[in-house]
Protein backbone atom coordinates (compact mmCIF):
# COMPACT_ATOMS: atom_id res chain seq x y z
CA MET A 1 121.64 175.87 107.06
CA ILE A 2 117.91 175.74 106.35
CA ASP A 3 115.81 175.22 109.48
CA LEU A 4 113.00 173.05 108.14
CA TRP A 5 111.02 172.96 111.36
CA TRP A 6 109.95 176.56 110.72
CA ILE A 7 107.63 175.30 107.97
CA PRO A 8 105.26 173.07 109.98
CA ILE A 9 105.61 174.84 113.34
CA TRP A 10 103.32 177.75 112.44
CA PRO A 11 100.16 175.71 111.68
CA LEU A 12 100.90 173.65 114.80
CA LEU A 13 101.03 176.82 116.93
CA GLY A 14 97.84 178.01 115.29
CA PHE A 15 96.16 174.72 116.12
CA LEU A 16 97.26 174.88 119.76
CA LEU A 17 96.21 178.51 120.16
CA LEU A 18 92.77 177.97 118.64
CA GLY A 19 92.30 174.60 120.30
CA PHE A 20 92.85 175.98 123.81
CA PHE A 21 91.60 179.55 123.50
CA GLY A 22 89.57 179.72 120.28
CA ARG A 23 86.17 180.10 121.92
CA ARG A 24 87.44 182.99 124.04
CA LEU A 25 88.66 184.93 121.01
CA ARG A 26 86.76 187.12 118.60
CA LYS A 27 86.15 185.81 115.11
CA SER A 28 88.54 188.33 113.63
CA THR A 29 91.29 187.12 115.95
CA VAL A 30 90.55 183.48 115.14
CA ALA A 31 90.68 184.25 111.41
CA ALA A 32 93.93 186.19 111.75
CA ALA A 33 95.57 183.42 113.78
CA ALA A 34 94.42 180.63 111.45
CA CYS A 35 95.27 182.39 108.19
CA GLY A 36 98.39 184.02 109.57
CA SER A 37 99.85 180.73 110.75
CA VAL A 38 99.44 179.10 107.33
CA GLY A 39 100.64 182.29 105.64
CA LEU A 40 103.82 182.17 107.73
CA ALA A 41 104.23 178.50 106.77
CA ALA A 42 103.99 179.56 103.11
CA VAL A 43 106.63 182.26 103.65
CA ALA A 44 108.88 179.77 105.46
CA SER A 45 108.39 177.33 102.58
CA LEU A 46 109.37 179.97 100.01
CA VAL A 47 112.46 180.88 102.02
CA ALA A 48 113.44 177.22 102.40
CA VAL A 49 112.94 176.50 98.70
CA GLY A 50 114.95 179.62 97.87
CA GLY A 51 117.77 178.26 100.02
CA LEU A 52 117.47 174.92 98.25
CA LEU A 53 117.77 176.60 94.85
CA SER A 54 120.99 178.27 95.95
CA LEU A 55 122.63 174.83 96.23
CA PRO A 56 124.20 173.03 93.26
CA ALA A 57 121.65 171.04 91.22
CA GLY A 58 123.11 167.71 92.29
CA ALA A 59 123.19 168.59 95.98
CA ARG A 60 119.72 169.98 96.58
CA ARG A 61 118.95 167.97 99.64
CA VAL A 62 118.59 169.34 103.18
CA GLU A 63 117.89 167.01 106.07
CA GLY A 64 117.56 167.70 109.76
CA VAL A 65 116.49 165.86 112.90
CA ILE A 66 114.09 167.67 115.22
CA ALA A 67 114.39 165.07 117.96
CA PRO A 68 115.26 161.38 118.41
CA TRP A 69 112.26 159.09 118.49
CA ILE A 70 112.71 155.30 118.48
CA GLN A 71 115.93 153.43 119.17
CA VAL A 72 115.51 149.64 119.45
CA GLY A 73 118.55 147.51 118.70
CA ASN A 74 119.78 148.45 115.25
CA PHE A 75 116.50 150.11 114.33
CA GLN A 76 116.29 153.87 114.60
CA ALA A 77 113.60 156.34 113.55
CA ASP A 78 113.80 160.06 114.27
CA TRP A 79 111.56 163.04 113.99
CA GLY A 80 113.49 163.95 110.88
CA LEU A 81 112.62 166.34 108.05
CA LEU A 82 113.81 166.23 104.45
CA LEU A 83 113.62 168.98 101.86
CA ASP A 84 114.56 168.06 98.32
CA PRO A 85 112.99 169.16 95.02
CA LEU A 86 110.11 166.69 95.39
CA SER A 87 109.13 167.69 98.92
CA ALA A 88 109.78 171.35 98.00
CA VAL A 89 107.05 171.23 95.36
CA MET A 90 104.70 169.61 97.84
CA VAL A 91 105.25 172.09 100.68
CA LEU A 92 104.69 174.99 98.29
CA VAL A 93 101.44 173.47 97.04
CA VAL A 94 100.19 172.65 100.54
CA SER A 95 101.11 175.98 102.13
CA VAL A 96 100.27 178.40 99.30
CA VAL A 97 97.02 176.80 98.14
CA GLY A 98 96.14 175.98 101.75
CA PHE A 99 96.60 179.65 102.70
CA LEU A 100 94.21 180.78 99.94
CA ILE A 101 91.64 178.24 101.08
CA HIS A 102 91.97 179.46 104.68
CA VAL A 103 91.33 183.06 103.57
CA TYR A 104 88.31 182.01 101.53
CA ALA A 105 86.96 180.01 104.49
CA VAL A 106 86.87 183.17 106.64
CA GLY A 107 84.04 184.47 104.49
CA TYR A 108 82.38 181.13 103.79
CA MET A 109 82.20 180.06 107.46
CA HIS A 110 81.67 183.52 108.95
CA ASP A 111 78.17 182.80 110.27
CA ASP A 112 78.90 179.31 111.57
CA GLN A 113 78.62 178.99 115.33
CA ASP A 114 81.64 176.64 115.43
CA PHE A 115 83.94 179.03 113.58
CA PRO A 116 86.89 178.49 116.01
CA ARG A 117 86.58 174.70 115.94
CA PHE A 118 86.59 174.71 112.14
CA PHE A 119 89.86 176.62 111.90
CA THR A 120 91.38 174.52 114.68
CA TYR A 121 90.84 171.43 112.56
CA LEU A 122 91.99 173.21 109.40
CA ASN A 123 95.30 174.25 110.99
CA LEU A 124 95.86 170.72 112.29
CA PHE A 125 95.17 169.34 108.81
CA THR A 126 97.72 171.68 107.25
CA PHE A 127 100.33 170.84 109.89
CA SER A 128 99.79 167.10 109.39
CA MET A 129 100.14 167.33 105.62
CA LEU A 130 103.29 169.44 105.84
CA MET A 131 104.83 166.89 108.20
CA LEU A 132 103.80 164.07 105.87
CA VAL A 133 105.61 165.52 102.87
CA LEU A 134 108.64 166.62 104.89
CA ALA A 135 109.16 163.30 106.73
CA ASN A 136 112.50 161.63 106.02
CA ASN A 137 111.38 158.09 106.86
CA TYR A 138 108.43 155.81 106.23
CA LEU A 139 107.42 155.51 109.88
CA LEU A 140 107.01 159.27 110.33
CA LEU A 141 105.25 159.37 106.97
CA TYR A 142 102.85 156.70 108.23
CA VAL A 143 102.13 158.59 111.47
CA PHE A 144 101.05 161.71 109.61
CA TRP A 145 99.39 159.62 106.91
CA GLU A 146 97.04 158.55 109.71
CA ALA A 147 96.89 162.11 111.09
CA VAL A 148 95.51 163.52 107.84
CA GLY A 149 92.99 160.67 107.88
CA LEU A 150 91.87 161.74 111.34
CA CYS A 151 91.65 165.38 110.27
CA SER A 152 89.57 164.43 107.23
CA TYR A 153 87.17 162.54 109.52
CA LEU A 154 86.83 165.59 111.77
CA LEU A 155 86.32 168.01 108.88
CA ILE A 156 84.08 165.90 106.66
CA GLY A 157 81.86 165.29 109.68
CA PHE A 158 82.23 168.87 110.92
CA TRP A 159 78.46 169.35 110.97
CA PHE A 160 78.09 166.26 113.14
CA GLU A 161 74.57 167.21 114.21
CA ARG A 162 73.35 166.32 110.74
CA PRO A 163 72.27 162.69 110.14
CA ALA A 164 75.13 161.91 107.74
CA ALA A 165 77.83 159.29 107.92
CA ALA A 166 80.31 160.47 105.28
CA GLY A 167 83.04 161.05 107.85
CA LYS A 168 82.69 157.51 109.16
CA LYS A 169 82.64 156.13 105.61
CA ALA A 170 85.84 157.97 104.72
CA PHE A 171 87.53 156.79 107.91
CA ILE A 172 86.52 153.14 107.48
CA VAL A 173 87.35 152.90 103.77
CA ASN A 174 90.74 154.45 104.42
CA ARG A 175 91.39 151.87 107.14
CA VAL A 176 91.36 149.21 104.43
CA GLY A 177 94.05 150.95 102.42
CA ASP A 178 96.01 152.00 105.49
CA PHE A 179 96.14 148.39 106.68
CA GLY A 180 97.90 147.47 103.45
CA PHE A 181 100.20 150.46 103.73
CA GLY A 182 101.11 149.49 107.30
CA LEU A 183 101.92 145.95 106.19
CA GLY A 184 104.09 147.33 103.41
CA VAL A 185 106.04 149.49 105.85
CA MET A 186 106.55 146.53 108.21
CA LEU A 187 107.66 144.28 105.35
CA LEU A 188 110.07 146.95 104.21
CA TRP A 189 111.56 147.17 107.71
CA THR A 190 111.88 143.40 108.20
CA THR A 191 113.56 143.13 104.80
CA LEU A 192 115.98 146.05 104.88
CA GLY A 193 116.22 146.80 108.61
CA THR A 194 115.59 150.52 108.12
CA LEU A 195 112.79 152.90 107.14
CA HIS A 196 114.95 155.94 106.43
CA TYR A 197 114.42 156.99 102.80
CA GLU A 198 118.06 157.38 101.87
CA GLN A 199 119.05 154.04 103.36
CA VAL A 200 116.03 152.21 101.90
CA PHE A 201 116.68 153.50 98.39
CA ALA A 202 120.39 152.70 98.65
CA LEU A 203 119.81 149.13 99.89
CA ALA A 204 116.84 148.24 97.69
CA PRO A 205 118.72 147.56 94.41
CA THR A 206 121.13 145.20 96.16
CA GLN A 207 118.77 143.37 98.52
CA LEU A 208 115.54 143.35 96.49
CA PRO A 209 116.01 141.61 93.14
CA ALA A 210 114.29 143.44 90.31
CA GLY A 211 110.94 141.86 89.52
CA GLY A 212 111.14 139.63 92.60
CA GLY A 213 108.18 138.69 94.70
CA LEU A 214 109.36 140.58 97.77
CA VAL A 215 109.71 144.00 96.14
CA THR A 216 106.47 143.40 94.26
CA ALA A 217 104.66 142.60 97.51
CA ILE A 218 106.09 145.69 99.22
CA THR A 219 105.14 148.05 96.42
CA LEU A 220 101.65 146.59 95.95
CA LEU A 221 100.97 146.94 99.67
CA LEU A 222 102.19 150.53 99.59
CA PHE A 223 99.99 151.18 96.57
CA LEU A 224 97.00 149.68 98.37
CA GLY A 225 97.41 152.49 100.90
CA ALA A 226 97.56 154.98 98.04
CA THR A 227 94.32 153.66 96.50
CA GLY A 228 92.53 154.44 99.75
CA LYS A 229 94.08 157.82 100.51
CA SER A 230 93.96 159.02 96.90
CA ALA A 231 90.54 157.50 96.11
CA GLN A 232 91.36 155.04 93.33
CA LEU A 233 89.52 151.91 92.28
CA PRO A 234 88.21 150.11 94.24
CA LEU A 235 88.54 152.36 97.34
CA TYR A 236 87.33 155.62 95.81
CA VAL A 237 83.79 155.52 97.23
CA TRP A 238 84.48 157.75 100.25
CA LEU A 239 85.53 160.83 98.29
CA PRO A 240 82.22 161.83 96.63
CA ASP A 241 80.42 161.55 99.97
CA ALA A 242 83.06 163.79 101.56
CA MET A 243 81.13 166.66 99.96
CA GLU A 244 78.92 166.72 103.05
CA GLY A 245 81.58 168.78 104.81
CA PRO A 246 81.96 172.56 104.30
CA THR A 247 83.16 173.53 100.82
CA PRO A 248 86.60 174.82 101.99
CA VAL A 249 87.17 171.33 103.43
CA SER A 250 86.39 169.81 100.03
CA ALA A 251 88.86 172.19 98.40
CA LEU A 252 91.60 171.46 100.93
CA ILE A 253 91.16 167.68 100.81
CA HIS A 254 90.82 167.47 97.03
CA ALA A 255 93.36 170.04 95.96
CA ALA A 256 96.21 170.44 98.42
CA THR A 257 96.27 167.79 101.09
CA MET A 258 94.92 164.33 101.76
CA VAL A 259 94.17 162.88 98.33
CA THR A 260 97.54 163.93 96.95
CA ALA A 261 99.35 162.00 99.69
CA GLY A 262 99.09 158.70 97.82
CA VAL A 263 100.56 160.16 94.62
CA TYR A 264 103.40 161.74 96.60
CA MET A 265 104.14 158.47 98.42
CA VAL A 266 104.35 156.48 95.16
CA ALA A 267 106.58 159.14 93.59
CA ARG A 268 108.76 159.24 96.70
CA SER A 269 109.05 155.43 96.50
CA SER A 270 109.99 155.48 92.81
CA ALA A 271 113.26 153.64 93.55
CA LEU A 272 111.17 150.71 94.85
CA PHE A 273 108.51 150.81 92.15
CA ASN A 274 111.15 150.89 89.40
CA LEU A 275 112.24 147.44 90.64
CA ALA A 276 108.70 146.01 90.39
CA PRO A 277 107.33 146.02 86.82
CA LEU A 278 104.16 144.21 87.90
CA ALA A 279 103.44 146.88 90.51
CA MET A 280 104.19 149.62 87.97
CA GLY A 281 101.74 148.08 85.53
CA THR A 282 99.13 147.79 88.26
CA VAL A 283 99.55 151.47 89.18
CA ALA A 284 99.22 152.51 85.53
CA TRP A 285 96.12 150.43 84.83
CA ILE A 286 94.36 151.34 88.07
CA GLY A 287 95.05 154.99 87.31
CA ALA A 288 93.81 154.84 83.72
CA LEU A 289 90.68 152.86 84.60
CA THR A 290 89.91 155.20 87.50
CA ALA A 291 90.31 158.24 85.23
CA VAL A 292 87.73 156.90 82.78
CA PHE A 293 85.45 155.36 85.39
CA ALA A 294 85.10 158.51 87.50
CA ALA A 295 84.75 160.72 84.43
CA SER A 296 81.87 158.57 83.18
CA ILE A 297 79.99 159.08 86.46
CA ALA A 298 80.60 162.84 86.37
CA LEU A 299 78.81 163.02 82.99
CA VAL A 300 75.36 162.79 84.58
CA GLN A 301 75.73 164.09 88.15
CA THR A 302 73.55 167.04 89.15
CA ASP A 303 75.17 168.10 92.44
CA ILE A 304 77.70 170.83 91.61
CA LYS A 305 80.21 169.61 94.20
CA ARG A 306 79.86 165.95 93.25
CA VAL A 307 80.71 166.70 89.62
CA VAL A 308 83.92 168.35 90.80
CA ALA A 309 84.54 165.50 93.26
CA TYR A 310 84.39 162.85 90.55
CA SER A 311 86.65 165.07 88.48
CA THR A 312 89.18 164.91 91.32
CA ILE A 313 89.08 161.12 91.33
CA SER A 314 89.57 161.11 87.56
CA GLN A 315 92.51 163.55 87.66
CA LEU A 316 94.16 161.54 90.42
CA GLY A 317 93.87 158.60 88.05
CA TYR A 318 95.96 160.52 85.52
CA MET A 319 98.60 161.14 88.17
CA PHE A 320 98.84 157.42 88.94
CA LEU A 321 98.90 156.67 85.22
CA GLY A 322 101.94 158.95 85.02
CA CYS A 323 103.62 157.18 87.93
CA GLY A 324 102.82 153.78 86.42
CA VAL A 325 104.51 154.59 83.11
CA GLY A 326 107.55 156.07 84.87
CA ALA A 327 106.68 159.73 84.31
CA TYR A 328 106.89 160.59 88.00
CA ALA A 329 107.89 164.20 87.40
CA SER A 330 104.91 164.73 85.11
CA ALA A 331 102.60 163.11 87.67
CA ILE A 332 103.79 165.48 90.41
CA PHE A 333 103.54 168.40 87.97
CA HIS A 334 99.92 167.46 87.34
CA LEU A 335 99.44 167.27 91.12
CA ALA A 336 100.71 170.86 91.42
CA THR A 337 98.69 172.31 88.52
CA HIS A 338 95.64 170.33 89.63
CA ALA A 339 95.87 171.95 93.07
CA PHE A 340 95.22 175.36 91.52
CA PHE A 341 92.37 174.58 89.16
CA LYS A 342 90.68 172.07 91.45
CA ALA A 343 90.80 174.40 94.45
CA LEU A 344 89.35 177.08 92.19
CA LEU A 345 86.55 174.78 91.00
CA PHE A 346 85.58 173.88 94.56
CA LEU A 347 85.81 177.41 95.88
CA GLY A 348 83.86 178.62 92.84
CA SER A 349 81.22 176.00 93.57
CA GLY A 350 81.16 177.21 97.16
CA SER A 351 80.67 180.78 95.95
CA VAL A 352 77.66 179.65 93.90
CA ILE A 353 76.24 177.68 96.84
CA HIS A 354 76.80 180.67 99.13
CA ALA A 355 75.00 182.96 96.69
CA LEU A 356 72.03 180.59 96.37
CA GLY A 357 71.59 180.03 100.08
CA GLY A 358 72.89 176.45 100.11
CA GLU A 359 71.46 175.15 96.82
CA GLN A 360 73.73 172.55 95.14
CA ASP A 361 71.47 171.09 92.41
CA ILE A 362 72.59 172.46 89.03
CA ARG A 363 69.09 171.84 87.65
CA LYS A 364 67.96 174.73 89.87
CA MET A 365 70.59 177.13 88.57
CA GLY A 366 71.28 178.98 85.35
CA GLN A 367 72.22 182.41 83.97
CA LEU A 368 74.41 183.26 86.95
CA LYS A 369 77.13 184.76 84.77
CA ALA A 370 75.89 188.34 85.08
CA ARG A 371 74.99 187.97 88.76
CA LEU A 372 78.31 186.37 89.80
CA PRO A 373 80.88 187.93 87.41
CA HIS A 374 84.06 187.09 89.35
CA THR A 375 82.91 183.57 90.20
CA SER A 376 81.79 182.79 86.65
CA ARG A 377 84.97 184.14 85.07
CA THR A 378 87.33 182.25 87.36
CA PHE A 379 85.21 179.07 87.18
CA TYR A 380 85.50 179.27 83.37
CA TRP A 381 89.28 179.50 83.63
CA ALA A 382 89.38 176.50 85.95
CA ALA A 383 87.12 174.51 83.62
CA LEU A 384 89.46 175.24 80.70
CA ALA A 385 92.46 174.20 82.79
CA ASN A 386 90.76 170.97 83.88
CA ALA A 387 89.80 170.23 80.28
CA GLY A 388 93.44 170.62 79.23
CA ILE A 389 93.15 173.61 76.90
CA ILE A 390 96.38 175.38 75.99
CA PRO A 391 97.91 177.50 77.55
CA LEU A 392 96.21 176.80 80.89
CA ALA A 393 97.80 174.69 83.61
CA GLY A 394 96.10 171.34 83.02
CA PHE A 395 97.25 171.19 79.39
CA TRP A 396 100.94 171.07 80.19
CA SER A 397 100.85 168.44 82.91
CA LYS A 398 98.11 166.09 81.67
CA ASP A 399 99.45 165.99 78.12
CA GLU A 400 102.91 165.10 79.41
CA ILE A 401 101.41 162.04 81.09
CA LEU A 402 99.59 160.96 77.95
CA ALA A 403 102.71 161.58 75.85
CA ALA A 404 104.75 159.43 78.26
CA ALA A 405 102.24 156.59 77.94
CA PHE A 406 102.40 156.84 74.15
CA ALA A 407 106.22 157.05 74.14
CA GLY A 408 106.34 153.91 76.29
CA HIS A 409 104.22 152.07 73.69
CA ARG A 410 101.34 151.80 76.16
CA TYR A 411 98.83 152.69 73.45
CA LEU A 412 95.77 151.29 75.20
CA LEU A 413 96.57 153.32 78.29
CA TRP A 414 96.99 156.38 76.08
CA ALA A 415 93.61 155.68 74.46
CA LEU A 416 91.92 155.36 77.86
CA GLY A 417 93.50 158.61 78.99
CA SER A 418 92.37 160.34 75.80
CA ALA A 419 88.82 159.05 76.26
CA GLY A 420 88.87 160.40 79.79
CA ALA A 421 90.09 163.76 78.44
CA PHE A 422 87.07 163.99 76.12
CA MET A 423 84.68 163.22 78.95
CA THR A 424 86.47 165.68 81.24
CA ALA A 425 86.01 168.52 78.77
CA PHE A 426 82.36 167.55 78.24
CA TYR A 427 81.28 167.31 81.88
CA MET A 428 83.20 170.42 82.94
CA PHE A 429 81.47 172.57 80.34
CA ARG A 430 78.14 170.86 80.87
CA LEU A 431 78.57 172.09 84.43
CA TYR A 432 79.69 175.58 83.42
CA TYR A 433 76.95 176.21 80.84
CA THR A 434 74.20 174.76 83.04
CA VAL A 435 75.18 176.88 86.04
CA PHE A 436 76.33 180.17 84.52
CA GLU A 437 74.54 180.34 81.17
CA GLY A 438 71.79 178.07 79.89
CA LYS A 439 68.24 178.43 81.14
CA ASP A 440 67.29 180.34 84.28
CA ASN A 441 65.93 177.67 86.62
CA LEU A 442 66.32 179.62 89.85
CA ASP A 443 63.51 179.62 92.37
CA PRO A 444 61.93 183.12 92.30
CA PRO A 445 62.65 183.83 96.00
CA ALA A 446 66.28 182.78 95.59
CA ALA A 447 66.73 184.76 92.36
CA HIS A 448 66.20 188.09 94.14
CA GLN A 449 68.85 187.31 96.75
CA VAL A 450 71.69 186.17 94.44
CA HIS A 451 74.80 188.27 94.91
CA GLU A 452 78.53 187.97 94.34
CA SER A 453 80.59 186.69 97.24
CA PRO A 454 82.48 189.18 99.43
CA PRO A 455 86.08 190.13 98.57
CA VAL A 456 87.52 187.75 101.19
CA MET A 457 86.10 184.94 99.02
CA THR A 458 86.61 186.38 95.53
CA TYR A 459 90.25 187.46 95.95
CA PRO A 460 91.44 183.87 96.49
CA LEU A 461 89.45 182.91 93.38
CA LEU A 462 91.32 185.52 91.32
CA VAL A 463 94.73 184.45 92.67
CA LEU A 464 94.00 180.78 91.92
CA GLY A 465 92.72 181.82 88.49
CA ALA A 466 96.01 183.56 87.81
CA GLY A 467 97.74 180.35 88.84
CA CYS A 468 95.67 178.42 86.30
CA TRP A 469 97.01 180.70 83.56
CA LEU A 470 100.63 181.04 84.69
CA VAL A 471 101.83 177.92 86.56
CA GLY A 472 101.80 175.55 83.61
CA ALA A 473 103.33 177.88 81.03
CA LEU A 474 105.94 179.40 83.34
CA PHE A 475 107.23 176.16 84.80
CA GLY A 476 106.26 173.53 82.23
CA PHE A 477 107.50 175.01 78.95
CA PRO A 478 109.16 173.52 77.03
CA PRO A 479 107.48 170.16 77.82
CA ASP A 480 109.67 167.82 79.88
CA HIS A 481 112.47 170.42 79.94
CA GLY A 482 110.94 173.43 81.69
CA LEU A 483 112.00 175.00 84.96
CA TYR A 484 109.95 172.52 86.96
CA HIS A 485 111.43 169.45 85.26
CA ARG A 486 115.00 170.67 85.54
CA PHE A 487 114.36 171.20 89.26
CA VAL A 488 112.68 167.87 90.04
CA GLU A 489 114.16 165.37 87.58
CA PRO A 490 117.42 164.76 89.56
CA VAL A 491 115.34 163.16 92.34
CA PHE A 492 113.89 160.58 89.98
CA ALA A 493 117.10 160.14 88.00
CA ALA A 494 118.81 159.17 91.27
CA ALA A 495 116.05 156.61 91.79
CA GLY A 496 116.87 154.95 88.48
CA THR A 497 113.99 156.37 86.45
CA GLU A 498 114.75 156.48 82.73
CA PRO A 499 113.17 159.37 80.80
CA HIS A 500 110.90 158.56 77.88
CA ALA A 501 112.45 159.39 74.54
CA ILE A 502 110.02 161.20 72.25
CA SER A 503 110.75 163.57 69.42
CA PRO A 504 109.56 167.21 69.45
CA GLU A 505 107.43 166.46 66.38
CA ALA A 506 105.68 163.58 68.15
CA THR A 507 105.17 165.74 71.25
CA LEU A 508 103.61 168.47 69.16
CA GLY A 509 101.40 165.99 67.32
CA LEU A 510 100.16 164.36 70.51
CA ALA A 511 99.48 167.79 72.02
CA ALA A 512 97.45 168.73 68.95
CA VAL A 513 95.44 165.51 69.16
CA ALA A 514 94.79 166.01 72.89
CA THR A 515 93.71 169.62 72.33
CA ALA A 516 91.38 168.56 69.52
CA ILE A 517 89.82 165.88 71.74
CA ALA A 518 89.24 168.39 74.53
CA ALA A 519 87.89 170.99 72.11
CA LEU A 520 85.44 168.41 70.74
CA GLY A 521 84.18 167.71 74.25
CA ILE A 522 83.67 171.42 74.89
CA TRP A 523 81.91 171.86 71.53
CA VAL A 524 79.43 169.07 72.27
CA ALA A 525 78.75 170.48 75.76
CA ARG A 526 78.23 173.96 74.29
CA ALA A 527 75.83 172.67 71.67
CA TRP A 528 73.81 170.73 74.22
CA TYR A 529 73.76 173.04 77.24
CA LYS A 530 74.59 176.67 76.35
CA THR A 531 70.99 177.68 75.68
CA GLY A 532 69.41 175.22 78.08
CA ASP A 533 66.61 174.26 75.68
CA ASN A 534 68.34 171.68 73.47
CA PRO A 535 66.44 168.36 73.68
CA ALA A 536 69.54 166.35 72.72
CA PRO A 537 70.63 165.49 76.31
CA ALA A 538 67.18 164.16 77.25
CA GLN A 539 66.91 162.26 73.98
CA ALA A 540 70.34 160.71 74.46
CA ALA A 541 69.42 159.66 78.02
CA GLU A 542 66.15 158.13 76.83
CA ARG A 543 67.80 156.36 73.90
CA HIS A 544 70.48 154.86 76.15
CA LEU A 545 68.36 154.52 79.26
CA GLY A 546 70.22 151.50 80.63
CA LEU A 547 73.59 153.21 80.35
CA TYR A 548 72.18 156.41 81.78
CA ARG A 549 70.79 154.59 84.82
CA LEU A 550 74.10 152.79 85.27
CA LEU A 551 76.00 156.10 85.35
CA TRP A 552 73.32 157.87 87.42
CA ASN A 553 73.61 155.11 90.03
CA LYS A 554 77.43 155.34 89.90
CA TRP A 555 77.82 151.85 88.45
CA TYR A 556 76.02 150.50 91.55
CA VAL A 557 79.36 150.18 93.35
CA ASP A 558 78.00 151.52 96.63
CA GLU A 559 75.10 149.06 96.40
CA LEU A 560 77.57 146.27 95.68
CA TYR A 561 79.66 147.18 98.73
CA THR A 562 76.52 147.41 100.83
CA ALA A 563 75.38 143.95 99.74
CA ALA A 564 78.82 142.32 99.94
CA PHE A 565 80.24 143.92 103.08
CA VAL A 566 78.06 146.41 104.92
CA GLU A 567 74.90 144.31 105.27
CA PRO A 568 76.65 141.01 106.18
CA ILE A 569 78.71 142.84 108.81
CA ARG A 570 75.65 144.67 110.12
CA ARG A 571 73.63 141.46 110.31
CA GLY A 572 76.52 139.60 111.89
CA ALA A 573 76.94 142.35 114.48
CA LEU A 574 73.17 142.29 115.16
CA TRP A 575 73.25 138.51 115.62
CA LEU A 576 76.24 138.71 117.97
CA TRP A 577 74.55 141.47 119.92
CA GLN A 578 71.36 139.47 120.36
CA ARG A 579 72.87 136.02 120.92
CA PHE A 580 76.16 136.79 122.63
CA ASP A 581 75.77 140.18 124.26
CA GLU A 582 72.14 140.12 125.27
CA GLU A 583 71.60 136.40 125.88
CA MET A 584 75.01 135.32 127.19
CA ILE A 585 76.73 138.34 128.72
CA ASP A 586 73.63 140.21 129.82
CA GLY A 587 71.90 136.90 130.56
CA CYS A 588 74.61 135.77 132.98
CA VAL A 589 74.68 139.13 134.71
CA ASN A 590 70.89 139.23 134.94
CA GLU A 591 70.74 135.65 136.30
CA ALA A 592 73.30 136.49 138.98
CA GLY A 593 71.27 139.52 139.90
CA GLU A 594 68.08 137.51 140.10
CA MET A 595 69.81 134.88 142.27
CA PHE A 596 70.90 137.49 144.80
CA ARG A 597 67.48 139.09 144.65
CA ASP A 598 65.77 135.78 145.44
CA ALA A 599 68.23 135.14 148.26
CA GLY A 600 67.46 138.55 149.61
CA GLN A 601 63.75 137.84 149.46
CA LEU A 602 64.31 134.75 151.64
CA LEU A 603 66.54 136.50 154.12
CA ARG A 604 64.26 139.49 154.51
CA ARG A 605 61.63 137.17 156.09
CA THR A 606 63.94 136.73 159.07
CA GLN A 607 63.88 140.45 159.66
CA SER A 608 60.35 140.69 161.07
CA GLY A 609 61.01 143.42 163.64
CA TYR A 610 59.53 141.35 166.55
CA VAL A 611 61.91 140.98 169.54
CA MET A 612 60.37 137.67 170.63
CA ASN A 613 61.16 136.14 167.25
CA TYR A 614 64.78 137.24 167.55
CA VAL A 615 65.01 135.76 171.11
CA LEU A 616 63.54 132.47 169.92
CA GLY A 617 66.00 132.45 167.04
CA PHE A 618 68.86 133.13 169.43
CA LEU A 619 67.75 130.29 171.74
CA ALA A 620 67.37 127.96 168.79
CA GLY A 621 70.91 128.77 167.72
CA VAL A 622 72.24 128.13 171.23
CA VAL A 623 70.44 124.75 171.34
CA VAL A 624 71.91 123.79 167.97
CA ILE A 625 75.43 124.72 169.04
CA LEU A 626 75.13 122.90 172.38
CA GLY A 627 73.73 119.85 170.65
CA TYR A 628 76.60 119.87 168.19
CA LEU A 629 79.16 120.13 170.98
CA ALA A 630 77.48 117.34 172.99
CA PHE A 631 77.33 115.10 169.97
CA ARG A 632 80.94 115.77 169.16
CA GLY A 633 82.03 115.15 172.75
């Protein structure tokens, strides 16, 4: 019997230890507790997955109840955990990549005065994400869906003394999506009477007619939650601003935890989405449009972390494209490979920022290759993987998604994905050549202080770099039939997902086209940015000034939201504050106060301090009382 609770318990214990005693411990003890707890979670995950692999392929499902939770009438929800091939992939990604990010953060955050608080939040984040992917019912999933949202708010706004509002923005935008997700969960319960995965997926085909309005409403509401958590159109705007948090936070959110939750939830709910063609089409189109939209913005960004952030949004779009065309296994495979190269890109960016004393503008960088050899080499590997160059990780997973779209005769979606692939290759190598080669634009004082990061930061880079080379080829070859697919496919086959039929020749041809597209993007970026003195980029921007301004201003979406929602709400709140709060509420309270004050002013005149006045007052009172009694008698 596999005890699943051993997986999330270690980060929880780390959180409790650091939360109660962190400030009393030395930094080395804090680091050991934080990294050790996640490392033990990774070991427990490997042991649990090993136990799962020992079971027959058709019976790889382990479920256990930690404790009873809610029992109301016929409705029951437990603190239950589920390990199957899908959740197994997720716990490995969260724990292993999360452990590497924790180790890196020890060096990156070493001089921060709130070192214990940072790792307290980081352990809580890891625990919440592990519980999210291990939950065996939608209600528990929703609880930890909100928990990772809280952790992201705490970590994005970790430096709360700075005048930034990215944490609030992330929290508020996610409330929009989470409201839809909550409605979807409630509608699912009122329809089927249960939120347990196994029962929901067994009842859905019989009680939710395929293509019906009810299953379509449920899946669209669930997907609305995914668009917020996984930063898809139109709720993506929080993710680029999340860069205001420490770089390890960016890596953890973008690579291993929060933003992947939406993709996981859609894949987990494949039995429901397969019954709703309209919802499937919506997922596919939102994903494809997001992939291209975010990639177009990344073309012109100059903040090293923002380029990588928009790349995350774009790659998440590919994952939803895969889910939307029924290639759930390929979407989750891209989630896993993406975790390695995206964590590496963020941690590499953090290494550059660390070396330059906090500088993030790529226009003030250049020729760092010799100064930061480990960072530049691993960043190059990650850029190749993100661009989808064979044999690195991104090639195997992204090309499977595009091949599935083509095999499903979704040619326009395939074309959008291919256009996004060209832009991805271009902006990744624009970033690489500008930062590590190109022209030396460093400030002279900063240039003398540039140095490679310490081993505690570079070792995780090398391990993630090895993952970029090995994960895709080891587990994804041959395409659609590798070790990974043979492990995961039974989950989606049980959900009624039909594999896309495509010949080996077509697969090879599509892979060749995708590689050629990516190579073209890299070639253009090399020609424009390798030396740093090519006038072509400036000329292109001047020739297409309107388009350049549109991309530079991120399609003015933030301005649109500000004009349509933020400003009307702010003005409405200001009006209510002035008219209702100040004039009515405060006005009534102030008037009551003034009334009692005036009454007090009148009464204080009777308190003169002269005894004769008091005697006269007493006599007057006696006369009045006697007169009243005489009159009454």
